Amino acid sequence: MWNQKVSLSLSLSLSLSLSLSPAGALSI
């Protein structure tokens, strides 16, 4: 169950950083 939560928060933060700064997301 915690695995699903981690994946969810990971994708959430990823999409957030993507929408906030595309350049920063590209450097990842």
N, C-alpha and C. Protein backbone atom coordinates (compact mmCIF):
# COMPACT_ATOMS: atom_id res chain seq x y z
N MET A 1 0.84 -1.20 0.00
CA MET A 1 0.00 0.00 0.00
C MET A 1 0.88 1.26 0.00
N TRP A 2 1.94 1.26 0.81
CA TRP A 2 2.81 2.43 0.87
C TRP A 2 3.52 2.64 -0.47
N ASN A 3 3.74 1.55 -1.19
CA ASN A 3 4.38 1.64 -2.50
C ASN A 3 3.54 2.48 -3.45
N GLN A 4 2.22 2.25 -3.42
CA GLN A 4 1.29 2.99 -4.28
C GLN A 4 1.28 4.47 -3.89
N LYS A 5 1.37 4.72 -2.57
CA LYS A 5 1.36 6.09 -2.08
C LYS A 5 2.62 6.83 -2.54
N VAL A 6 3.75 6.15 -2.48
CA VAL A 6 5.02 6.74 -2.90
C VAL A 6 4.99 7.06 -4.39
N SER A 7 4.48 6.14 -5.18
CA SER A 7 4.39 6.33 -6.63
C SER A 7 3.48 7.51 -6.95
N LEU A 8 2.40 7.62 -6.21
CA LEU A 8 1.44 8.70 -6.42
C LEU A 8 2.07 10.04 -6.11
N SER A 9 2.72 10.15 -4.97
CA SER A 9 3.36 11.41 -4.57
C SER A 9 4.52 11.75 -5.51
N LEU A 10 5.19 10.72 -6.01
CA LEU A 10 6.30 10.93 -6.95
C LEU A 10 5.80 11.53 -8.25
N SER A 11 4.77 10.94 -8.81
CA SER A 11 4.20 11.44 -10.06
C SER A 11 3.58 12.81 -9.85
N LEU A 12 3.03 13.04 -8.67
CA LEU A 12 2.41 14.33 -8.36
C LEU A 12 3.47 15.42 -8.32
N SER A 13 4.56 15.18 -7.61
CA SER A 13 5.63 16.17 -7.50
C SER A 13 6.31 16.37 -8.86
N LEU A 14 6.37 15.31 -9.64
CA LEU A 14 6.97 15.40 -10.97
C LEU A 14 6.15 16.30 -11.87
N SER A 15 4.84 16.07 -11.91
CA SER A 15 3.95 16.89 -12.73
C SER A 15 3.92 18.32 -12.22
N LEU A 16 4.06 18.48 -10.91
CA LEU A 16 4.07 19.82 -10.32
C LEU A 16 5.31 20.59 -10.77
N SER A 17 6.46 19.96 -10.68
CA SER A 17 7.71 20.60 -11.10
C SER A 17 7.70 20.83 -12.61
N LEU A 18 7.01 19.97 -13.33
CA LEU A 18 6.90 20.12 -14.78
C LEU A 18 6.12 21.37 -15.13
N SER A 19 5.00 21.56 -14.46
CA SER A 19 4.14 22.71 -14.73
C SER A 19 4.78 24.00 -14.20
N LEU A 20 5.55 23.86 -13.13
CA LEU A 20 6.18 25.04 -12.52
C LEU A 20 7.38 25.51 -13.33
N SER A 21 8.31 24.59 -13.59
CA SER A 21 9.50 24.97 -14.36
C SER A 21 9.94 23.84 -15.28
N PRO A 22 9.59 23.93 -16.56
CA PRO A 22 9.95 22.91 -17.55
C PRO A 22 11.46 22.73 -17.65
N ALA A 23 12.21 23.81 -17.51
CA ALA A 23 13.67 23.73 -17.60
C ALA A 23 14.23 22.88 -16.46
N GLY A 24 13.68 23.07 -15.26
CA GLY A 24 14.14 22.31 -14.10
C GLY A 24 13.80 20.83 -14.25
N ALA A 25 12.64 20.53 -14.81
CA ALA A 25 12.22 19.15 -14.99
C ALA A 25 13.10 18.47 -16.05
N LEU A 26 13.57 19.24 -17.02
CA LEU A 26 14.40 18.69 -18.08
C LEU A 26 15.79 18.33 -17.56
N SER A 27 16.24 19.09 -16.57
CA SER A 27 17.59 18.86 -16.03
C SER A 27 17.63 17.63 -15.13
N ILE A 28 16.47 17.12 -14.73
CA ILE A 28 16.41 15.94 -13.84
C ILE A 28 16.94 14.71 -14.58
